[in-house]
Amino acid sequence: ERGSDDPRESAQNMDRTDQQQRIEAIRKGREREKDRVAVERVIREARERAFAEARERAERAAVERASIEVRMRCLAEAQEKLERAAAEKHAKKLRAERAAVERATVEARVRAFERAKSHKASSPPDASSSSHGESKSEGLKHSFSSSVSALFLDLETGSQTETEQRRKARLERHQRVMERAAKALEEKNRRDLLVLKEQAERNRIAEYLDADIKRWSSGKEGNLRALLSTLHYILSSDSGWHPISLTEIITTAAVKKAYRKATLCVHPDKLQQRGASIQHKYKCEKVFDLLKAAWNKFNSEER
């Protein structure tokens, strides 16, 4: 009887063990599925956020371009109105001067005619003196008319010349402003295009770099010593970082020294100066954020 009970108990134990293993396998599978869903959600959110930012930048660039065009058009219209008003004012002044000269001419002719008439009535001249006076009067009249005509011709010519010069200067100034605006807009569009390309490249490489960074930092978040001692697993050999062991950073001073060296290798400004690739910059930015968070925690604990 004892022999028959032992096989049954062992079989029951094996069944229970198998059942527990199956339950554990199912639980682990569910956890992996949850992790996969979470990673996919984060990636999808990052892509949507990058797309929204790119669209917002494009819309902002379009609005700025339209505002620049409106400003330039308003400036050109205002300049044209000012020049037209100045030309009209100058023409009005010329007309007033011409009317004054003509009025003075008429008055002078009337006075001369009245003087000649009164002089003729008081002492009638002979034929020779009369013809000589008439010829002299006609000569003076012709000379005065020629002088007035020459004066108005000079004024009109000067006005036209000045207006043409101002128009030419305005066109040249407007052309220079438009060229500078077009050049600035082209430079801005070029920078925006580079930013969009870099953002697209960052989104592409984030799919596999985030997984590498997560594997490296898993279980070490906030642990500055653990991150520094395993930093060579995530950084390449050309990053300037030399591996250090955990025993080398036991003291606080050693941790601070190692942290400063690490920040020199992964700081975004230093990478920009060295002209690092987008992949290297993305990885170092993530590492820098993790190290900075761990450094803040380390400082708070040391106090």
C-alpha atoms as a PDB file:
ATOM      1  CA  GLU A   1       0.000   0.000   0.000  1.00  0.00           C
ATOM      2  CA  ARG A   2       2.810   2.400   0.811  1.00  0.00           C
ATOM      3  CA  GLY A   3       4.420   1.606  -2.520  1.00  0.00           C
ATOM      4  CA  SER A   4       1.204   2.289  -4.397  1.00  0.00           C
ATOM      5  CA  ASP A   5       0.699   5.641  -2.592  1.00  0.00           C
ATOM      6  CA  ASP A   6       4.165   6.965  -3.462  1.00  0.00           C
ATOM      7  CA  PRO A   7       3.706   6.863  -7.254  1.00  0.00           C
ATOM      8  CA  ARG A   8       0.368   8.633  -6.942  1.00  0.00           C
ATOM      9  CA  GLU A   9       1.841  11.348  -4.741  1.00  0.00           C
ATOM     10  CA  SER A  10       4.805  11.811  -7.067  1.00  0.00           C
ATOM     11  CA  ALA A  11       2.446  12.031 -10.036  1.00  0.00           C
ATOM     12  CA  GLN A  12       0.341  14.620  -8.240  1.00  0.00           C
ATOM     13  CA  ASN A  13       3.476  16.571  -7.347  1.00  0.00           C
ATOM     14  CA  MET A  14       4.594  16.494 -10.966  1.00  0.00           C
ATOM     15  CA  ASP A  15       1.158  17.676 -12.103  1.00  0.00           C
ATOM     16  CA  ARG A  16       1.247  20.524  -9.634  1.00  0.00           C
ATOM     17  CA  THR A  17       4.762  21.457 -10.758  1.00  0.00           C
ATOM     18  CA  ASP A  18       3.741  21.384 -14.416  1.00  0.00           C
ATOM     19  CA  GLN A  19       0.682  23.473 -13.660  1.00  0.00           C
ATOM     20  CA  GLN A  20       2.757  26.036 -11.773  1.00  0.00           C
ATOM     21  CA  GLN A  21       5.265  26.170 -14.618  1.00  0.00           C
ATOM     22  CA  ARG A  22       2.470  26.695 -17.132  1.00  0.00           C
ATOM     23  CA  ILE A  23       0.979  29.444 -14.974  1.00  0.00           C
ATOM     24  CA  GLU A  24       4.405  31.070 -14.642  1.00  0.00           C
ATOM     25  CA  ALA A  25       4.971  30.821 -18.395  1.00  0.00           C
ATOM     26  CA  ILE A  26       1.565  32.388 -19.061  1.00  0.00           C
ATOM     27  CA  ARG A  27       2.318  35.189 -16.595  1.00  0.00           C
ATOM     28  CA  LYS A  28       5.696  35.900 -18.178  1.00  0.00           C
ATOM     29  CA  GLY A  29       4.131  35.859 -21.626  1.00  0.00           C
ATOM     30  CA  ARG A  30       1.534  38.384 -20.513  1.00  0.00           C
ATOM     31  CA  GLU A  31       4.224  40.593 -19.022  1.00  0.00           C
ATOM     32  CA  ARG A  32       6.226  40.449 -22.245  1.00  0.00           C
ATOM     33  CA  GLU A  33       3.098  41.299 -24.197  1.00  0.00           C
ATOM     34  CA  LYS A  34       2.429  44.263 -21.898  1.00  0.00           C
ATOM     35  CA  ASP A  35       6.014  45.469 -22.354  1.00  0.00           C
ATOM     36  CA  ARG A  36       5.735  45.133 -26.115  1.00  0.00           C
ATOM     37  CA  VAL A  37       2.440  47.042 -26.180  1.00  0.00           C
ATOM     38  CA  ALA A  38       3.927  49.766 -23.969  1.00  0.00           C
ATOM     39  CA  VAL A  39       6.987  50.115 -26.218  1.00  0.00           C
ATOM     40  CA  GLU A  40       4.815  50.286 -29.326  1.00  0.00           C
ATOM     41  CA  ARG A  41       2.627  52.918 -27.679  1.00  0.00           C
ATOM     42  CA  VAL A  42       5.656  55.025 -26.753  1.00  0.00           C
ATOM     43  CA  ILE A  43       7.042  54.739 -30.286  1.00  0.00           C
ATOM     44  CA  ARG A  44       3.686  55.664 -31.791  1.00  0.00           C
ATOM     45  CA  GLU A  45       3.338  58.660 -29.477  1.00  0.00           C
ATOM     46  CA  ALA A  46       6.864  59.801 -30.323  1.00  0.00           C
ATOM     47  CA  ARG A  47       6.120  59.574 -34.044  1.00  0.00           C
ATOM     48  CA  GLU A  48       2.851  61.453 -33.682  1.00  0.00           C
ATOM     49  CA  ARG A  49       4.535  64.117 -31.573  1.00  0.00           C
ATOM     50  CA  ALA A  50       7.352  64.530 -34.105  1.00  0.00           C
ATOM     51  CA  PHE A  51       4.849  64.758 -36.951  1.00  0.00           C
ATOM     52  CA  ALA A  52       2.808  67.366 -35.072  1.00  0.00           C
ATOM     53  CA  GLU A  53       5.941  69.404 -34.323  1.00  0.00           C
ATOM     54  CA  ALA A  54       7.052  69.244 -37.959  1.00  0.00           C
ATOM     55  CA  ARG A  55       3.621  70.323 -39.155  1.00  0.00           C
ATOM     56  CA  GLU A  56       3.552  73.160 -36.625  1.00  0.00           C
ATOM     57  CA  ARG A  57       6.974  74.374 -37.773  1.00  0.00           C
ATOM     58  CA  ALA A  58       5.873  74.249 -41.403  1.00  0.00           C
ATOM     59  CA  GLU A  59       2.720  76.220 -40.614  1.00  0.00           C
ATOM     60  CA  ARG A  60       4.708  78.747 -38.594  1.00  0.00           C
ATOM     61  CA  ALA A  61       7.176  79.147 -41.470  1.00  0.00           C
ATOM     62  CA  ALA A  62       4.301  79.688 -43.911  1.00  0.00           C
ATOM     63  CA  VAL A  63       2.752  82.312 -41.625  1.00  0.00           C
ATOM     64  CA  GLU A  64       6.078  84.096 -41.227  1.00  0.00           C
ATOM     65  CA  ARG A  65       6.651  84.031 -44.980  1.00  0.00           C
ATOM     66  CA  ALA A  66       3.175  85.444 -45.614  1.00  0.00           C
ATOM     67  CA  SER A  67       3.669  88.146 -42.974  1.00  0.00           C
ATOM     68  CA  ILE A  68       6.991  89.155 -44.554  1.00  0.00           C
ATOM     69  CA  GLU A  69       5.345  89.406 -47.957  1.00  0.00           C
ATOM     70  CA  VAL A  70       2.502  91.506 -46.523  1.00  0.00           C
ATOM     71  CA  ARG A  71       4.972  93.807 -44.757  1.00  0.00           C
ATOM     72  CA  MET A  72       7.025  94.244 -47.908  1.00  0.00           C
ATOM     73  CA  ARG A  73       3.909  94.962 -49.950  1.00  0.00           C
ATOM     74  CA  CYS A  74       2.642  97.484 -47.385  1.00  0.00           C
ATOM     75  CA  LEU A  75       6.072  99.119 -47.264  1.00  0.00           C
ATOM     76  CA  ALA A  76       6.192  99.397 -51.053  1.00  0.00           C
ATOM     77  CA  GLU A  77       2.662 100.833 -51.179  1.00  0.00           C
ATOM     78  CA  ALA A  78       3.444 103.358 -48.439  1.00  0.00           C
ATOM     79  CA  GLN A  79       6.647 104.398 -50.202  1.00  0.00           C
ATOM     80  CA  GLU A  80       4.798 104.762 -53.488  1.00  0.00           C
ATOM     81  CA  LYS A  81       2.068 106.855 -51.829  1.00  0.00           C
ATOM     82  CA  LEU A  82       4.665 109.137 -50.270  1.00  0.00           C
ATOM     83  CA  GLU A  83       6.431 109.643 -53.576  1.00  0.00           C
ATOM     84  CA  ARG A  84       3.146 110.236 -55.384  1.00  0.00           C
ATOM     85  CA  ALA A  85       2.102 112.784 -52.744  1.00  0.00           C
ATOM     86  CA  ALA A  86       5.481 114.515 -53.016  1.00  0.00           C
ATOM     87  CA  ALA A  87       5.188 114.617 -56.817  1.00  0.00           C
ATOM     88  CA  GLU A  88       1.659 116.026 -56.617  1.00  0.00           C
ATOM     89  CA  LYS A  89       2.786 118.641 -54.104  1.00  0.00           C
ATOM     90  CA  HIS A  90       5.674 119.636 -56.344  1.00  0.00           C
ATOM     91  CA  ALA A  91       3.404 119.817 -59.394  1.00  0.00           C
ATOM     92  CA  LYS A  92       0.901 121.934 -57.461  1.00  0.00           C
ATOM     93  CA  LYS A  93       3.696 124.259 -56.435  1.00  0.00           C
ATOM     94  CA  LEU A  94       4.828 124.557 -60.057  1.00  0.00           C
ATOM     95  CA  ARG A  95       1.286 125.324 -61.184  1.00  0.00           C
ATOM     96  CA  ALA A  96       0.954 128.002 -58.503  1.00  0.00           C
ATOM     97  CA  GLU A  97       4.270 129.565 -59.525  1.00  0.00           C
ATOM     98  CA  ARG A  98       3.279 129.458 -63.179  1.00  0.00           C
ATOM     99  CA  ALA A  99      -0.081 131.089 -62.421  1.00  0.00           C
ATOM    100  CA  ALA A 100       1.655 133.787 -60.362  1.00  0.00           C
ATOM    101  CA  VAL A 101       4.129 134.484 -63.171  1.00  0.00           C
ATOM    102  CA  GLU A 102       1.353 134.605 -65.754  1.00  0.00           C
ATOM    103  CA  ARG A 103      -0.696 136.930 -63.546  1.00  0.00           C
ATOM    104  CA  ALA A 104       2.312 139.201 -63.024  1.00  0.00           C
ATOM    105  CA  THR A 105       2.939 139.163 -66.780  1.00  0.00           C
ATOM    106  CA  VAL A 106      -0.638 140.168 -67.543  1.00  0.00           C
ATOM    107  CA  GLU A 107      -0.531 142.921 -64.933  1.00  0.00           C
ATOM    108  CA  ALA A 108       2.780 144.199 -66.323  1.00  0.00           C
ATOM    109  CA  ARG A 109       1.349 144.213 -69.838  1.00  0.00           C
ATOM    110  CA  VAL A 110      -1.751 146.086 -68.685  1.00  0.00           C
ATOM    111  CA  ARG A 111       0.341 148.675 -66.856  1.00  0.00           C
ATOM    112  CA  ALA A 112       2.668 149.069 -69.830  1.00  0.00           C
ATOM    113  CA  PHE A 113      -0.303 149.460 -72.163  1.00  0.00           C
ATOM    114  CA  GLU A 114      -1.880 152.068 -69.885  1.00  0.00           C
ATOM    115  CA  ARG A 115       1.386 154.005 -69.615  1.00  0.00           C
ATOM    116  CA  ALA A 116       1.841 153.900 -73.365  1.00  0.00           C
ATOM    117  CA  LYS A 117      -1.736 155.016 -73.881  1.00  0.00           C
ATOM    118  CA  SER A 118      -1.431 157.926 -71.446  1.00  0.00           C
ATOM    119  CA  HIS A 119       1.915 158.934 -72.952  1.00  0.00           C
ATOM    120  CA  LYS A 120       0.455 158.812 -76.446  1.00  0.00           C
ATOM    121  CA  ALA A 121      -2.512 160.911 -75.385  1.00  0.00           C
ATOM    122  CA  SER A 122      -0.289 163.592 -73.816  1.00  0.00           C
ATOM    123  CA  SER A 123       2.275 163.858 -76.649  1.00  0.00           C
ATOM    124  CA  PRO A 124       1.573 162.091 -79.928  1.00  0.00           C
ATOM    125  CA  PRO A 125       4.830 160.781 -81.352  1.00  0.00           C
ATOM    126  CA  ASP A 126       5.920 160.776 -84.965  1.00  0.00           C
ATOM    127  CA  ALA A 127       5.864 157.722 -87.141  1.00  0.00           C
ATOM    128  CA  SER A 128       9.520 156.832 -86.717  1.00  0.00           C
ATOM    129  CA  SER A 129       9.441 157.082 -82.939  1.00  0.00           C
ATOM    130  CA  SER A 130       6.145 155.217 -82.862  1.00  0.00           C
ATOM    131  CA  SER A 131       7.496 152.376 -84.937  1.00  0.00           C
ATOM    132  CA  HIS A 132      10.675 152.350 -82.869  1.00  0.00           C
ATOM    133  CA  GLY A 133       8.663 152.239 -79.619  1.00  0.00           C
ATOM    134  CA  GLU A 134       6.455 149.462 -80.899  1.00  0.00           C
ATOM    135  CA  SER A 135       9.439 147.424 -82.042  1.00  0.00           C
ATOM    136  CA  LYS A 136      11.124 147.992 -78.692  1.00  0.00           C
ATOM    137  CA  SER A 137       7.939 147.001 -76.845  1.00  0.00           C
ATOM    138  CA  GLU A 138       7.598 143.890 -78.964  1.00  0.00           C
ATOM    139  CA  GLY A 139      11.259 143.049 -78.320  1.00  0.00           C
ATOM    140  CA  LEU A 140      10.827 143.415 -74.564  1.00  0.00           C
ATOM    141  CA  LYS A 141       7.641 141.358 -74.676  1.00  0.00           C
ATOM    142  CA  HIS A 142       9.370 138.607 -76.678  1.00  0.00           C
ATOM    143  CA  SER A 143      12.391 138.669 -74.345  1.00  0.00           C
ATOM    144  CA  PHE A 144      10.173 138.457 -71.247  1.00  0.00           C
ATOM    145  CA  SER A 145       8.113 135.637 -72.747  1.00  0.00           C
ATOM    146  CA  SER A 146      11.289 133.781 -73.694  1.00  0.00           C
ATOM    147  CA  SER A 147      12.683 134.195 -70.173  1.00  0.00           C
ATOM    148  CA  VAL A 148       9.451 132.946 -68.564  1.00  0.00           C
ATOM    149  CA  SER A 149       9.258 129.999 -70.962  1.00  0.00           C
ATOM    150  CA  ALA A 150      12.887 129.127 -70.254  1.00  0.00           C
ATOM    151  CA  LEU A 151      12.225 129.359 -66.497  1.00  0.00           C
ATOM    152  CA  PHE A 152       9.252 126.980 -66.658  1.00  0.00           C
ATOM    153  CA  LEU A 153      11.154 124.634 -68.956  1.00  0.00           C
ATOM    154  CA  ASP A 154      14.031 124.486 -66.471  1.00  0.00           C
ATOM    155  CA  LEU A 155      11.622 123.898 -63.554  1.00  0.00           C
ATOM    156  CA  GLU A 156       9.757 121.129 -65.361  1.00  0.00           C
ATOM    157  CA  THR A 157      12.991 119.498 -66.522  1.00  0.00           C
ATOM    158  CA  GLY A 158      14.435 119.640 -62.994  1.00  0.00           C
ATOM    159  CA  SER A 159      11.218 118.190 -61.559  1.00  0.00           C
ATOM    160  CA  GLN A 160      11.195 115.326 -64.040  1.00  0.00           C
ATOM    161  CA  THR A 161      14.885 114.624 -63.425  1.00  0.00           C
ATOM    162  CA  GLU A 162      14.451 114.648 -59.658  1.00  0.00           C
ATOM    163  CA  THR A 163      11.371 112.405 -59.834  1.00  0.00           C
ATOM    164  CA  GLU A 164      13.168 109.935 -62.095  1.00  0.00           C
ATOM    165  CA  GLN A 165      16.171 109.809 -59.772  1.00  0.00           C
ATOM    166  CA  ARG A 166      13.980 109.261 -56.731  1.00  0.00           C
ATOM    167  CA  ARG A 167      12.015 106.571 -58.532  1.00  0.00           C
ATOM    168  CA  LYS A 168      15.221 104.832 -59.531  1.00  0.00           C
ATOM    169  CA  ALA A 169      16.586 105.057 -55.980  1.00  0.00           C
ATOM    170  CA  ARG A 170      13.301 103.719 -54.605  1.00  0.00           C
ATOM    171  CA  LEU A 171      13.321 100.772 -57.003  1.00  0.00           C
ATOM    172  CA  GLU A 172      16.931  99.969 -56.161  1.00  0.00           C
ATOM    173  CA  ARG A 173      16.228 100.217 -52.431  1.00  0.00           C
ATOM    174  CA  HIS A 174      13.124  98.059 -52.773  1.00  0.00           C
ATOM    175  CA  GLN A 175      15.080  95.508 -54.802  1.00  0.00           C
ATOM    176  CA  ARG A 176      17.821  95.351 -52.152  1.00  0.00           C
ATOM    177  CA  VAL A 177      15.254  94.848 -49.395  1.00  0.00           C
ATOM    178  CA  MET A 178      13.516  92.113 -51.376  1.00  0.00           C
ATOM    179  CA  GLU A 179      16.831  90.384 -52.080  1.00  0.00           C
ATOM    180  CA  ARG A 180      17.770  90.463 -48.388  1.00  0.00           C
ATOM    181  CA  ALA A 181      14.343  89.157 -47.395  1.00  0.00           C
ATOM    182  CA  ALA A 182      14.497  86.392 -50.005  1.00  0.00           C
ATOM    183  CA  LYS A 183      17.987  85.423 -48.875  1.00  0.00           C
ATOM    184  CA  ALA A 184      16.942  85.345 -45.213  1.00  0.00           C
ATOM    185  CA  LEU A 185      13.853  83.303 -46.072  1.00  0.00           C
ATOM    186  CA  GLU A 186      15.917  80.859 -48.114  1.00  0.00           C
ATOM    187  CA  GLU A 187      18.386  80.455 -45.251  1.00  0.00           C
ATOM    188  CA  LYS A 188      15.544  79.888 -42.777  1.00  0.00           C
ATOM    189  CA  ASN A 189      13.914  77.308 -45.063  1.00  0.00           C
ATOM    190  CA  ARG A 190      17.263  75.546 -45.402  1.00  0.00           C
ATOM    191  CA  ARG A 191      17.679  75.394 -41.623  1.00  0.00           C
ATOM    192  CA  ASP A 192      14.109  74.167 -41.175  1.00  0.00           C
ATOM    193  CA  LEU A 193      14.689  71.471 -43.787  1.00  0.00           C
ATOM    194  CA  LEU A 194      17.834  70.323 -41.997  1.00  0.00           C
ATOM    195  CA  VAL A 195      15.935  70.219 -38.701  1.00  0.00           C
ATOM    196  CA  LEU A 196      13.147  68.176 -40.285  1.00  0.00           C
ATOM    197  CA  LYS A 197      15.633  65.757 -41.823  1.00  0.00           C
ATOM    198  CA  GLU A 198      17.448  65.380 -38.513  1.00  0.00           C
ATOM    199  CA  GLN A 199      14.156  64.839 -36.675  1.00  0.00           C
ATOM    200  CA  ALA A 200      13.095  62.190 -39.188  1.00  0.00           C
ATOM    201  CA  GLU A 201      16.456  60.459 -38.808  1.00  0.00           C
ATOM    202  CA  ARG A 202      16.152  60.617 -35.017  1.00  0.00           C
ATOM    203  CA  ASN A 203      12.697  59.047 -35.188  1.00  0.00           C
ATOM    204  CA  ARG A 204      14.044  56.286 -37.404  1.00  0.00           C
ATOM    205  CA  ILE A 205      17.012  55.401 -35.207  1.00  0.00           C
ATOM    206  CA  ALA A 206      14.953  55.739 -32.023  1.00  0.00           C
ATOM    207  CA  GLU A 207      13.215  52.448 -32.819  1.00  0.00           C
ATOM    208  CA  TYR A 208      16.288  50.363 -32.057  1.00  0.00           C
ATOM    209  CA  LEU A 209      18.443  52.724 -29.967  1.00  0.00           C
ATOM    210  CA  ASP A 210      15.746  53.156 -27.325  1.00  0.00           C
ATOM    211  CA  ALA A 211      15.649  49.401 -26.856  1.00  0.00           C
ATOM    212  CA  ASP A 212      19.453  49.263 -26.418  1.00  0.00           C
ATOM    213  CA  ILE A 213      19.409  52.118 -23.915  1.00  0.00           C
ATOM    214  CA  LYS A 214      16.542  50.535 -22.013  1.00  0.00           C
ATOM    215  CA  ARG A 215      18.383  47.215 -21.768  1.00  0.00           C
ATOM    216  CA  TRP A 216      21.498  48.993 -20.515  1.00  0.00           C
ATOM    217  CA  SER A 217      19.737  51.155 -17.918  1.00  0.00           C
ATOM    218  CA  SER A 218      17.209  48.560 -16.775  1.00  0.00           C
ATOM    219  CA  GLY A 219      17.483  48.162 -13.008  1.00  0.00           C
ATOM    220  CA  LYS A 220      20.094  50.940 -12.742  1.00  0.00           C
ATOM    221  CA  GLU A 221      17.871  54.039 -12.952  1.00  0.00           C
ATOM    222  CA  GLY A 222      18.995  56.510 -10.313  1.00  0.00           C
ATOM    223  CA  ASN A 223      22.075  54.430  -9.417  1.00  0.00           C
ATOM    224  CA  LEU A 224      24.954  56.642 -10.525  1.00  0.00           C
ATOM    225  CA  ARG A 225      27.702  54.170  -9.640  1.00  0.00           C
ATOM    226  CA  ALA A 226      26.038  51.351 -11.580  1.00  0.00           C
ATOM    227  CA  LEU A 227      25.508  53.573 -14.626  1.00  0.00           C
ATOM    228  CA  LEU A 228      29.100  54.823 -14.632  1.00  0.00           C
ATOM    229  CA  SER A 229      30.609  51.359 -14.167  1.00  0.00           C
ATOM    230  CA  THR A 230      28.623  49.981 -17.142  1.00  0.00           C
ATOM    231  CA  LEU A 231      28.785  53.055 -19.368  1.00  0.00           C
ATOM    232  CA  HIS A 232      31.225  51.371 -21.761  1.00  0.00           C
ATOM    233  CA  TYR A 233      28.495  48.868 -22.688  1.00  0.00           C
ATOM    234  CA  ILE A 234      26.412  51.586 -24.369  1.00  0.00           C
ATOM    235  CA  LEU A 235      29.107  54.039 -25.573  1.00  0.00           C
ATOM    236  CA  SER A 236      31.438  53.159 -28.421  1.00  0.00           C
ATOM    237  CA  SER A 237      35.208  53.208 -28.106  1.00  0.00           C
ATOM    238  CA  ASP A 238      35.540  56.438 -30.131  1.00  0.00           C
ATOM    239  CA  SER A 239      33.368  58.384 -27.671  1.00  0.00           C
ATOM    240  CA  GLY A 240      36.368  59.132 -25.448  1.00  0.00           C
ATOM    241  CA  TRP A 241      35.058  57.173 -22.459  1.00  0.00           C
ATOM    242  CA  HIS A 242      37.379  54.666 -20.775  1.00  0.00           C
ATOM    243  CA  PRO A 243      35.783  51.829 -18.771  1.00  0.00           C
ATOM    244  CA  ILE A 244      35.977  52.014 -14.990  1.00  0.00           C
ATOM    245  CA  SER A 245      35.133  49.336 -12.454  1.00  0.00           C
ATOM    246  CA  LEU A 246      32.717  49.667  -9.577  1.00  0.00           C
ATOM    247  CA  THR A 247      35.581  49.446  -7.074  1.00  0.00           C
ATOM    248  CA  GLU A 248      37.140  52.609  -8.515  1.00  0.00           C
ATOM    249  CA  ILE A 249      34.141  54.782  -7.651  1.00  0.00           C
ATOM    250  CA  ILE A 250      33.461  53.830  -4.068  1.00  0.00           C
ATOM    251  CA  THR A 251      34.210  57.257  -2.604  1.00  0.00           C
ATOM    252  CA  THR A 252      32.140  60.364  -3.246  1.00  0.00           C
ATOM    253  CA  ALA A 253      35.087  62.234  -4.754  1.00  0.00           C
ATOM    254  CA  ALA A 254      35.734  59.397  -7.220  1.00  0.00           C
ATOM    255  CA  VAL A 255      32.058  59.375  -8.243  1.00  0.00           C
ATOM    256  CA  LYS A 256      32.088  63.130  -8.865  1.00  0.00           C
ATOM    257  CA  LYS A 257      35.279  62.892 -10.903  1.00  0.00           C
ATOM    258  CA  ALA A 258      33.917  60.035 -13.018  1.00  0.00           C
ATOM    259  CA  TYR A 259      30.626  61.871 -13.534  1.00  0.00           C
ATOM    260  CA  ARG A 260      32.421  64.981 -14.801  1.00  0.00           C
ATOM    261  CA  LYS A 261      34.427  62.875 -17.263  1.00  0.00           C
ATOM    262  CA  ALA A 262      31.259  61.148 -18.452  1.00  0.00           C
ATOM    263  CA  THR A 263      29.431  64.444 -19.021  1.00  0.00           C
ATOM    264  CA  LEU A 264      32.323  65.684 -21.157  1.00  0.00           C
ATOM    265  CA  CYS A 265      31.827  62.635 -23.381  1.00  0.00           C
ATOM    266  CA  VAL A 266      28.030  62.807 -23.709  1.00  0.00           C
ATOM    267  CA  HIS A 267      27.153  66.499 -23.281  1.00  0.00           C
ATOM    268  CA  PRO A 268      25.050  67.712 -26.273  1.00  0.00           C
ATOM    269  CA  ASP A 269      27.045  70.951 -26.693  1.00  0.00           C
ATOM    270  CA  LYS A 270      30.352  69.080 -26.815  1.00  0.00           C
ATOM    271  CA  LEU A 271      28.948  66.645 -29.375  1.00  0.00           C
ATOM    272  CA  GLN A 272      27.711  69.540 -31.521  1.00  0.00           C
ATOM    273  CA  GLN A 273      31.176  71.097 -31.465  1.00  0.00           C
ATOM    274  CA  ARG A 274      32.793  67.804 -32.456  1.00  0.00           C
ATOM    275  CA  GLY A 275      30.324  67.303 -35.319  1.00  0.00           C
ATOM    276  CA  ALA A 276      29.044  63.938 -34.103  1.00  0.00           C
ATOM    277  CA  SER A 277      26.587  61.890 -36.131  1.00  0.00           C
ATOM    278  CA  ILE A 278      22.854  61.990 -35.444  1.00  0.00           C
ATOM    279  CA  GLN A 279      22.906  58.431 -34.116  1.00  0.00           C
ATOM    280  CA  HIS A 280      25.734  59.175 -31.695  1.00  0.00           C
ATOM    281  CA  LYS A 281      24.119  62.439 -30.562  1.00  0.00           C
ATOM    282  CA  TYR A 282      20.776  60.747 -29.933  1.00  0.00           C
ATOM    283  CA  LYS A 283      22.350  57.972 -27.872  1.00  0.00           C
ATOM    284  CA  CYS A 284      24.486  60.392 -25.859  1.00  0.00           C
ATOM    285  CA  GLU A 285      21.526  62.676 -25.166  1.00  0.00           C
ATOM    286  CA  LYS A 286      19.587  59.773 -23.668  1.00  0.00           C
ATOM    287  CA  VAL A 287      22.612  58.697 -21.629  1.00  0.00           C
ATOM    288  CA  PHE A 288      23.176  62.291 -20.479  1.00  0.00           C
ATOM    289  CA  ASP A 289      19.584  62.544 -19.220  1.00  0.00           C
ATOM    290  CA  LEU A 290      19.907  59.285 -17.275  1.00  0.00           C
ATOM    291  CA  LEU A 291      23.236  60.328 -15.756  1.00  0.00           C
ATOM    292  CA  LYS A 292      21.887  63.748 -14.812  1.00  0.00           C
ATOM    293  CA  ALA A 293      18.847  62.264 -13.062  1.00  0.00           C
ATOM    294  CA  ALA A 294      21.090  59.818 -11.194  1.00  0.00           C
ATOM    295  CA  TRP A 295      23.470  62.667 -10.292  1.00  0.00           C
ATOM    296  CA  ASN A 296      20.633  64.710  -8.788  1.00  0.00           C
ATOM    297  CA  LYS A 297      19.551  61.715  -6.727  1.00  0.00           C
ATOM    298  CA  PHE A 298      23.155  61.074  -5.663  1.00  0.00           C
ATOM    299  CA  ASN A 299      23.574  64.681  -4.498  1.00  0.00           C
ATOM    300  CA  SER A 300      20.326  64.627  -2.543  1.00  0.00           C
ATOM    301  CA  GLU A 301      21.362  61.421  -0.788  1.00  0.00           C
ATOM    302  CA  GLU A 302      24.833  62.753   0.007  1.00  0.00           C
ATOM    303  CA  ARG A 303      23.378  65.806   1.715  1.00  0.00           C
END
